[in-house]
Protein backbone atom coordinates (compact mmCIF):
# COMPACT_ATOMS: atom_id res chain seq x y z
CA MET A 1 -50.16 -23.12 22.68
CA ALA A 2 -49.71 -26.42 20.93
CA ASP A 3 -52.36 -29.11 20.86
CA ARG A 4 -49.76 -31.52 22.19
CA SER A 5 -46.14 -31.55 23.21
CA PRO A 6 -43.73 -31.44 20.27
CA PRO A 7 -42.79 -34.96 19.15
CA ASP A 8 -39.12 -34.60 20.01
CA SER A 9 -39.59 -33.17 23.48
CA THR A 10 -37.32 -35.86 24.93
CA ARG A 11 -34.61 -35.42 22.35
CA GLY A 12 -33.13 -32.24 23.79
CA HIS A 13 -29.46 -31.79 24.52
CA GLY A 14 -27.53 -30.84 27.62
CA ASN A 15 -28.96 -30.60 31.09
CA ASN A 16 -32.52 -29.34 30.77
CA ARG A 17 -32.98 -27.67 34.11
CA GLY A 18 -35.87 -25.41 33.14
CA GLY A 19 -38.39 -26.82 35.55
CA THR A 20 -41.21 -24.50 34.48
CA SER A 21 -41.22 -25.50 30.83
CA GLY A 22 -44.64 -25.04 29.30
CA LYS A 23 -45.99 -22.95 32.18
CA VAL A 24 -46.53 -19.26 32.80
CA ALA A 25 -45.01 -18.57 36.19
CA ASP A 26 -45.30 -15.63 38.56
CA PHE A 27 -41.75 -14.31 38.78
CA ARG A 28 -42.16 -11.05 40.61
CA TYR A 29 -39.19 -8.79 41.16
CA LYS A 30 -37.63 -9.32 44.57
CA ARG A 31 -35.24 -6.94 46.24
CA PRO A 32 -31.70 -8.27 46.73
CA SER A 33 -31.25 -10.30 49.87
CA ARG A 34 -27.57 -9.31 50.18
CA PRO A 35 -26.80 -6.21 48.13
CA LYS A 36 -23.29 -6.13 46.68
CA PRO A 37 -21.38 -3.49 44.69
CA ARG A 38 -22.06 -3.39 40.97
CA ALA A 39 -19.57 -4.94 38.62
CA PRO A 40 -17.68 -2.49 36.28
CA SER A 41 -19.20 -1.94 33.79
CA GLY A 42 -30.16 -0.29 -2.56
CA PRO A 43 -32.84 -2.06 -1.26
CA ALA A 44 -34.32 -4.72 -3.51
CA ALA A 45 -38.05 -5.12 -3.93
CA SER A 46 -39.72 -6.26 -0.76
CA HIS A 47 -43.00 -6.02 1.07
CA ARG A 48 -44.17 -5.99 4.63
CA GLN A 49 -46.83 -7.99 6.38
CA ASN A 50 -49.40 -6.23 8.54
CA HIS A 51 -51.13 -8.62 10.90
CA ALA A 52 -53.30 -7.85 13.88
CA ALA A 53 -52.04 -9.51 17.03
CA PRO A 54 -54.40 -11.96 18.74
CA PRO A 55 -56.42 -10.12 21.37
CA PHE A 56 -55.63 -10.25 25.05
CA ALA A 57 -58.28 -11.03 27.60
CA THR A 58 -59.95 -7.89 28.89
CA GLY A 59 -60.10 -6.48 32.38
CA ILE A 60 -56.54 -5.26 32.94
CA GLU A 61 -56.06 -1.67 33.95
CA ALA A 62 -53.96 0.21 31.40
CA ARG A 63 -51.62 1.64 34.02
CA GLN A 64 -50.26 -1.78 35.02
CA ALA A 65 -46.80 -2.59 33.73
CA TYR A 66 -45.46 -6.02 32.81
CA ALA A 67 -41.88 -7.01 32.06
CA ALA A 68 -40.03 -9.72 30.16
CA LEU A 69 -36.30 -10.30 30.51
CA ASP A 70 -34.41 -12.66 28.20
CA LEU A 71 -30.85 -13.52 29.21
CA GLY A 72 -29.29 -15.29 26.26
CA THR A 73 -25.82 -16.51 25.43
CA ASN A 74 -24.84 -13.22 23.82
CA ASN A 75 -27.42 -10.60 24.84
CA CYS A 76 -29.39 -9.38 27.82
CA ARG A 77 -32.73 -7.89 26.75
CA LEU A 78 -35.60 -6.36 28.71
CA LEU A 79 -39.03 -5.11 27.66
CA ILE A 80 -41.49 -3.33 29.93
CA ALA A 81 -44.97 -2.77 28.52
CA ARG A 82 -48.57 -1.90 29.31
CA PRO A 83 -51.64 -3.54 27.74
CA SER A 84 -53.07 -1.43 24.90
CA GLY A 85 -56.22 -2.77 23.27
CA GLU A 86 -55.34 -5.93 21.36
CA ASN A 87 -51.63 -5.36 21.80
CA PHE A 88 -49.24 -3.76 24.27
CA THR A 89 -47.26 -0.55 24.33
CA VAL A 90 -43.58 -0.71 25.25
CA ILE A 91 -42.76 1.90 27.89
CA ASP A 92 -39.13 0.94 28.53
CA ALA A 93 -36.53 -1.34 27.00
CA PHE A 94 -32.91 -2.34 27.44
CA SER A 95 -30.49 -4.41 25.37
CA ARG A 96 -26.80 -5.05 25.89
CA VAL A 97 -24.30 -7.49 24.41
CA VAL A 98 -22.90 -9.32 27.45
CA ARG A 99 -21.27 -12.38 25.82
CA LEU A 100 -22.30 -14.59 28.75
CA GLY A 101 -21.45 -17.74 26.80
CA GLU A 102 -17.99 -16.63 25.70
CA GLY A 103 -15.68 -19.65 25.96
CA LEU A 104 -18.47 -21.92 27.22
CA ALA A 105 -18.16 -24.38 24.32
CA ILE A 106 -14.48 -24.88 25.23
CA HIS A 107 -14.48 -24.78 29.04
CA GLY A 108 -18.04 -25.86 29.94
CA ARG A 109 -18.51 -23.04 32.45
CA LEU A 110 -19.35 -19.34 32.60
CA SER A 111 -16.21 -17.24 33.00
CA ASP A 112 -15.80 -14.66 35.75
CA ASP A 113 -15.52 -11.82 33.22
CA ALA A 114 -18.68 -12.94 31.42
CA MET A 115 -20.64 -13.15 34.67
CA ASP A 116 -19.42 -9.71 35.76
CA ARG A 117 -20.46 -8.17 32.42
CA THR A 118 -23.86 -9.81 32.69
CA LEU A 119 -24.43 -8.73 36.28
CA ALA A 120 -23.67 -5.13 35.35
CA ALA A 121 -26.41 -5.31 32.71
CA LEU A 122 -28.83 -7.00 35.10
CA HIS A 123 -28.33 -4.24 37.66
CA VAL A 124 -29.57 -1.79 35.01
CA CYS A 125 -32.58 -4.04 34.39
CA ALA A 126 -33.33 -4.25 38.12
CA GLU A 127 -33.34 -0.46 38.39
CA LYS A 128 -35.77 -0.18 35.48
CA LEU A 129 -38.08 -2.77 37.06
CA ARG A 130 -38.09 -0.78 40.30
CA ARG A 131 -38.60 2.57 38.61
CA ARG A 132 -41.48 1.35 36.43
CA HIS A 133 -43.34 -0.32 39.35
CA VAL A 134 -43.74 -3.52 37.36
CA ARG A 135 -46.80 -5.54 38.43
CA LEU A 136 -45.65 -8.87 37.03
CA ALA A 137 -42.41 -9.96 35.37
CA ARG A 138 -40.86 -13.11 34.03
CA SER A 139 -37.10 -13.38 33.59
CA VAL A 140 -35.67 -16.32 31.68
CA ALA A 141 -32.19 -17.66 30.96
CA THR A 142 -31.50 -19.91 28.00
CA GLU A 143 -28.73 -22.03 26.50
CA ALA A 144 -25.66 -20.62 28.27
CA CYS A 145 -27.13 -21.25 31.72
CA ARG A 146 -28.60 -24.59 30.62
CA ARG A 147 -25.20 -25.89 29.55
CA ALA A 148 -22.80 -24.31 32.04
CA CYS A 149 -21.78 -26.40 35.03
CA ASN A 150 -21.98 -23.22 37.14
CA GLY A 151 -25.24 -22.00 35.59
CA GLU A 152 -27.36 -22.64 38.67
CA SER A 153 -24.90 -20.93 41.00
CA PHE A 154 -24.82 -17.91 38.70
CA ILE A 155 -28.63 -17.73 38.77
CA GLU A 156 -28.51 -17.68 42.58
CA ARG A 157 -25.86 -14.96 42.54
CA VAL A 158 -28.07 -12.87 40.24
CA ARG A 159 -31.00 -13.24 42.63
CA GLU A 160 -28.91 -12.25 45.64
CA GLU A 161 -27.24 -9.24 44.01
CA THR A 162 -30.05 -7.84 41.86
CA GLY A 163 -33.31 -9.36 43.11
CA ILE A 164 -34.07 -10.77 39.65
CA ALA A 165 -35.28 -14.38 39.79
CA LEU A 166 -34.14 -15.96 36.54
CA ASP A 167 -35.80 -19.15 35.36
CA ILE A 168 -33.59 -21.49 33.29
CA ILE A 169 -36.14 -22.58 30.70
CA SER A 170 -35.98 -25.69 28.57
CA ALA A 171 -35.29 -25.59 24.83
CA GLN A 172 -38.92 -26.60 24.28
CA GLU A 173 -40.20 -23.61 26.25
CA GLU A 174 -37.77 -21.32 24.45
CA ALA A 175 -39.14 -22.48 21.09
CA ARG A 176 -42.74 -22.06 22.28
CA LEU A 177 -42.18 -18.52 23.48
CA ALA A 178 -40.39 -17.53 20.27
CA VAL A 179 -43.34 -18.77 18.20
CA LEU A 180 -45.84 -17.01 20.46
CA GLY A 181 -43.89 -13.76 20.15
CA CYS A 182 -43.48 -13.57 16.38
CA HIS A 183 -45.96 -15.84 14.58
CA VAL A 184 -48.21 -12.90 13.61
CA LEU A 185 -45.57 -11.96 11.03
CA LEU A 186 -45.93 -15.22 9.10
CA GLU A 187 -47.02 -14.73 5.51
CA ASP A 188 -50.63 -15.73 4.90
CA GLY A 189 -51.13 -19.18 3.45
CA PRO A 190 -52.65 -22.60 4.16
CA GLY A 191 -49.45 -24.64 4.00
CA PRO A 192 -46.93 -25.52 6.69
CA ALA A 193 -44.30 -23.06 7.91
CA VAL A 194 -41.05 -23.11 9.83
CA ILE A 195 -40.26 -20.51 12.48
CA PHE A 196 -36.65 -20.42 13.65
CA ASP A 197 -34.60 -18.59 16.24
CA ILE A 198 -30.82 -18.41 15.81
CA GLY A 199 -29.55 -17.55 19.27
CA GLY A 200 -26.12 -17.19 20.77
CA GLY A 201 -25.86 -20.72 22.17
CA SER A 202 -28.58 -22.68 20.37
CA THR A 203 -30.91 -22.65 17.39
CA GLU A 204 -34.57 -23.63 17.58
CA LEU A 205 -36.60 -24.75 14.56
CA VAL A 206 -40.37 -25.15 14.87
CA LEU A 207 -42.71 -26.62 12.25
CA VAL A 208 -46.17 -25.08 12.53
CA GLU A 209 -49.49 -25.13 10.71
CA PRO A 210 -52.31 -22.56 10.82
CA SER A 211 -54.70 -23.21 13.70
CA GLY A 212 -56.86 -20.34 14.87
CA ALA A 213 -55.22 -17.38 16.59
CA VAL A 214 -51.97 -19.25 17.27
CA PRO A 215 -50.40 -21.84 14.94
CA ARG A 216 -50.22 -25.46 16.09
CA ILE A 217 -46.75 -26.90 16.63
CA LEU A 218 -46.24 -30.07 14.61
CA ASP A 219 -42.56 -30.69 15.31
CA TRP A 220 -39.51 -28.90 16.67
CA MET A 221 -35.82 -29.26 17.27
CA SER A 222 -33.15 -27.42 19.25
CA VAL A 223 -29.45 -27.84 18.50
CA PRO A 224 -26.59 -26.54 20.70
CA PHE A 225 -25.19 -24.29 17.98
CA GLY A 226 -25.83 -20.56 17.92
CA VAL A 227 -23.59 -17.75 16.73
CA VAL A 228 -21.36 -17.85 19.83
CA SER A 229 -21.14 -21.61 20.38
CA LEU A 230 -20.57 -22.34 16.68
CA SER A 231 -17.88 -19.65 16.44
CA ASP A 232 -16.12 -21.14 19.46
CA THR A 233 -16.49 -24.69 18.14
CA VAL A 234 -14.94 -23.87 14.75
CA PRO A 235 -12.02 -21.51 15.36
CA GLY A 236 -9.94 -20.37 12.40
CA LYS A 237 -7.55 -17.79 11.08
CA ASP A 238 -8.85 -14.72 9.28
CA ASP A 239 -5.78 -13.98 7.16
CA SER A 240 -6.80 -15.57 3.84
CA GLU A 241 -9.99 -16.01 1.87
CA ALA A 242 -9.26 -19.71 1.44
CA GLY A 243 -9.00 -20.13 5.21
CA ARG A 244 -12.23 -18.20 5.79
CA LEU A 245 -14.10 -20.30 3.24
CA ALA A 246 -12.75 -23.53 4.73
CA ARG A 247 -13.97 -22.47 8.17
CA TYR A 248 -17.38 -21.54 6.75
CA ALA A 249 -17.66 -24.92 5.04
CA GLU A 250 -16.88 -26.68 8.31
CA MET A 251 -19.53 -24.63 10.11
CA ARG A 252 -22.05 -25.58 7.44
CA ARG A 253 -21.15 -29.27 7.79
CA ILE A 254 -21.56 -29.28 11.58
CA VAL A 255 -24.93 -27.52 11.44
CA ARG A 256 -26.17 -29.70 8.56
CA ASP A 257 -25.36 -32.82 10.56
CA SER A 258 -27.10 -31.39 13.65
CA PHE A 259 -30.26 -30.64 11.66
CA ALA A 260 -30.31 -34.02 9.90
CA GLN A 261 -33.05 -35.65 12.00
CA PHE A 262 -35.33 -32.63 11.73
CA ALA A 263 -34.69 -32.40 7.99
CA GLN A 264 -35.77 -36.03 7.60
CA ARG A 265 -38.91 -35.56 9.66
CA VAL A 266 -40.10 -32.46 7.74
CA ARG A 267 -39.16 -33.74 4.28
CA ASP A 268 -42.75 -34.53 3.27
CA TYR A 269 -44.02 -31.20 4.58
CA ALA A 270 -41.40 -29.34 2.53
CA ALA A 271 -42.89 -30.90 -0.60
CA ASP A 272 -46.41 -29.67 0.22
CA PRO A 273 -47.95 -28.26 -2.99
CA ALA A 274 -49.71 -25.57 -0.95
CA GLY A 275 -46.36 -23.86 -0.56
CA ILE A 276 -44.05 -23.37 2.39
CA ARG A 277 -43.26 -20.30 4.44
CA LEU A 278 -40.29 -19.34 6.59
CA LEU A 279 -39.97 -16.81 9.42
CA GLY A 280 -36.80 -16.04 11.34
CA THR A 281 -36.34 -14.19 14.60
CA SER A 282 -32.80 -13.42 15.68
CA GLY A 283 -29.97 -10.94 15.46
CA THR A 284 -28.69 -12.85 12.44
CA VAL A 285 -31.77 -12.35 10.28
CA THR A 286 -32.31 -8.74 11.35
CA THR A 287 -28.65 -7.95 10.68
CA LEU A 288 -28.73 -9.56 7.24
CA ALA A 289 -32.00 -7.76 6.49
CA SER A 290 -30.29 -4.47 7.34
CA VAL A 291 -27.46 -5.29 4.94
CA TYR A 292 -30.05 -6.23 2.32
CA LEU A 293 -31.78 -2.86 2.75
CA GLU A 294 -28.42 -1.04 2.84
CA LEU A 295 -29.47 0.79 5.98
CA PRO A 296 -26.97 3.34 7.34
CA GLN A 297 -28.03 2.32 10.85
CA TYR A 298 -30.40 -0.23 12.30
CA ASP A 299 -34.09 0.64 11.92
CA ARG A 300 -36.52 -1.75 13.58
CA GLN A 301 -39.52 -0.34 11.72
CA ALA A 302 -37.86 -1.07 8.38
CA VAL A 303 -36.80 -4.60 9.35
CA ASP A 304 -39.59 -6.06 11.51
CA GLY A 305 -42.09 -7.72 9.18
CA LEU A 306 -39.91 -7.51 6.09
CA ILE A 307 -40.22 -10.27 3.48
CA VAL A 308 -37.07 -10.88 1.43
CA GLN A 309 -36.06 -13.31 -1.28
CA SER A 310 -34.19 -16.26 0.22
CA ALA A 311 -31.74 -16.15 -2.70
CA ALA A 312 -30.78 -12.61 -1.69
CA MET A 313 -30.05 -13.73 1.88
CA ARG A 314 -27.90 -16.56 0.55
CA GLU A 315 -25.95 -14.11 -1.60
CA ILE A 316 -25.32 -11.84 1.39
CA SER A 317 -24.26 -14.83 3.50
CA SER A 318 -21.79 -15.94 0.83
CA ARG A 319 -20.38 -12.42 0.56
CA LEU A 320 -19.90 -12.05 4.31
CA SER A 321 -18.21 -15.44 4.58
CA ARG A 322 -15.51 -14.22 2.17
CA MET A 323 -14.83 -10.94 4.00
CA ASN A 324 -12.27 -10.53 6.75
CA ALA A 325 -13.26 -9.14 10.14
CA ALA A 326 -12.23 -5.57 9.31
CA GLU A 327 -14.36 -5.59 6.16
CA ARG A 328 -17.37 -6.89 8.05
CA GLN A 329 -16.87 -4.32 10.81
CA ALA A 330 -16.98 -1.54 8.23
CA LEU A 331 -20.49 -2.50 7.14
CA PRO A 332 -23.30 -0.49 8.76
CA CYS A 333 -25.47 -2.50 11.21
CA ILE A 334 -22.72 -5.10 11.77
CA GLY A 335 -19.90 -3.27 13.54
CA ASP A 336 -17.55 -4.68 16.16
CA ASP A 337 -20.10 -6.63 18.20
CA ARG A 338 -21.32 -8.85 15.36
CA ALA A 339 -18.33 -8.91 12.99
CA ASN A 340 -16.96 -12.15 14.41
CA LEU A 341 -20.34 -13.80 15.00
CA VAL A 342 -22.34 -13.02 11.87
CA VAL A 343 -20.49 -15.63 9.79
CA ALA A 344 -21.68 -18.42 12.08
CA GLY A 345 -25.21 -17.01 11.81
CA CYS A 346 -24.93 -17.10 8.01
CA ALA A 347 -23.86 -20.76 8.12
CA ILE A 348 -26.87 -21.64 10.28
CA LEU A 349 -29.28 -19.66 8.10
CA GLU A 350 -28.06 -21.31 4.90
CA SER A 351 -28.46 -24.73 6.49
CA ILE A 352 -32.05 -23.88 7.42
CA LEU A 353 -32.72 -22.80 3.83
CA ASP A 354 -31.34 -26.16 2.67
CA ILE A 355 -33.90 -27.94 4.87
CA TRP A 356 -36.82 -25.64 4.16
CA PRO A 357 -36.35 -24.15 0.66
CA SER A 358 -38.94 -21.40 0.91
CA PRO A 359 -38.53 -18.81 -1.86
CA THR A 360 -38.98 -16.01 0.67
CA LEU A 361 -37.94 -15.36 4.26
CA GLY A 362 -39.90 -13.35 6.79
CA VAL A 363 -37.89 -11.27 9.26
CA ALA A 364 -39.01 -10.63 12.84
CA ASP A 365 -37.46 -8.28 15.35
CA ARG A 366 -39.50 -9.85 18.12
CA GLY A 367 -39.54 -13.20 19.84
CA ILE A 368 -39.12 -14.57 23.36
CA ARG A 369 -39.72 -11.32 25.23
CA GLU A 370 -42.90 -10.59 23.30
CA GLY A 371 -44.04 -14.16 23.85
CA ILE A 372 -43.48 -13.78 27.59
CA LEU A 373 -45.39 -10.50 27.69
CA ARG A 374 -48.37 -11.98 25.86
CA SER A 375 -48.42 -14.96 28.21
CA LEU A 376 -48.15 -12.81 31.34
CA ILE A 377 -50.81 -10.30 30.35
CA ALA A 378 -53.26 -12.96 29.15
CA ALA A 379 -52.76 -15.13 32.25
CA ASP A 380 -53.10 -12.15 34.58
CA ALA A 381 -56.28 -11.07 32.82
CA GLU A 382 -57.73 -14.55 33.24
CA GLY A 383 -56.78 -14.39 36.92
CA ASP A 384 -58.54 -11.04 37.27
CA LYS A 385 -61.67 -12.46 35.66
CA SER A 386 -61.63 -15.46 37.99
CA ARG A 387 -61.18 -13.29 41.07
CA ALA A 388 -63.99 -10.99 39.92
CA GLU A 389 -66.31 -13.97 39.43
CA ILE A 390 -65.51 -15.32 42.92
CA GLN A 391 -66.22 -11.90 44.43
CA ARG A 392 -69.50 -11.65 42.49
CA LEU A 393 -70.63 -15.04 43.81
CA ARG A 394 -69.68 -14.08 47.36
CA GLU A 395 -71.70 -10.88 47.13
CA ARG A 396 -74.69 -12.82 45.73
CA ASN A 397 -74.58 -15.21 48.70
CA LEU A 398 -74.36 -12.52 51.36
């Protein structure tokens, strides 16, 4: 995707065990080797961008299904799709908050409860993969499994109990896939842009410039602070506004310090007279976009591709940081699952806006899974073309 490896590819954090970074691998679904019982189980003015996705290679039969599974620090998400012209059509999907990284920042390991919750979700995914007769799938695990001392053993347990072969990808590969999955929603323009992904356990920032069908990566950074890890790192009481604001300020300080090197490296780009653009993909930006639109319930069609004023997102972030948990829970599209995590997401988002002061922010409800699907379908199509050419040459030589 990039013309070269990002400049800071050796400046990652933690134990980067994602051995397939930068590659599209064939991770087919495998049946469990030792089946075990399942674990218990007033909108402001805005506009939307309509971009055609880059075309896939041809030659794939429409009936073939492909799958992408993204196991993050907070969520387990699955997409199953079939190629459809220049894009793909989703035929099945699954998303569940599993809180895999709960307590990881404190204890350095995945807890038994978190692993049980995650396995229950992965059993559902495995059943969908079987039922949809998926031709090719790739399943990835990100920051929680990268950091946890028992991450590798959990991956093996998942394979044995569900048949799903999870690949612990590097932060670099995570950033690449996020860009591949959502870059079509970038606002048009000749200048540089930043695409970011605020996850549960980490945040990736990628500096890109226009370059044909897919933007070229100029620089990137991953920091070990997402909505879960930052919330765990900066605990605090919720009983006074002063205490909530003090906690928010500390979150902002930690994230600002973590982003400092990236901020220095992109400083000249941020002053580009051609203008700068910003695109975010994560539960944080889609949640804040829903609050911005005052949606009674989440609506992907209303949010995906939305362009909002950055100042409006800052105002919402400031307002949420002052609320207590009960007040945040009462807001539509936040609820119980995100009430205690959205504040950390706001702190990260505001720190990104400090680094990259774009007047507008693009919102994407797409990312790693879509990037995986595009990679799988394109690579499989190229494989089909190669096999067809070999067969043609054999027939000619008979």
